[in-house]
């Protein structure tokens, strides 16, 4: 669970170009950067409260929808440039 949490949400707390290894310490740093409190790290699991999962899901969905919107804008500009040439 520790690695799956970090693998899914690392881009919310770190930049896309940062190469961060999926370790216990980097998972702790991710949770701190996202301002999540009341969690605990086990040897191989992260223990979150129920509302932390909802909060992470909302952050994730917001970021993915923003990236999708940016992708559409870039695609639209590319098509517009091709039609004007």
Foldseek 3Di string as FASTA:
>chain_A
DQQVVCVQQVVLQDPPPDDDDSDPVSSVVSCVSVVADDWDDDPPDIRHDPVVVVVSVVSSVVVVVVVVVVVVVVVVVVVVVVVVD
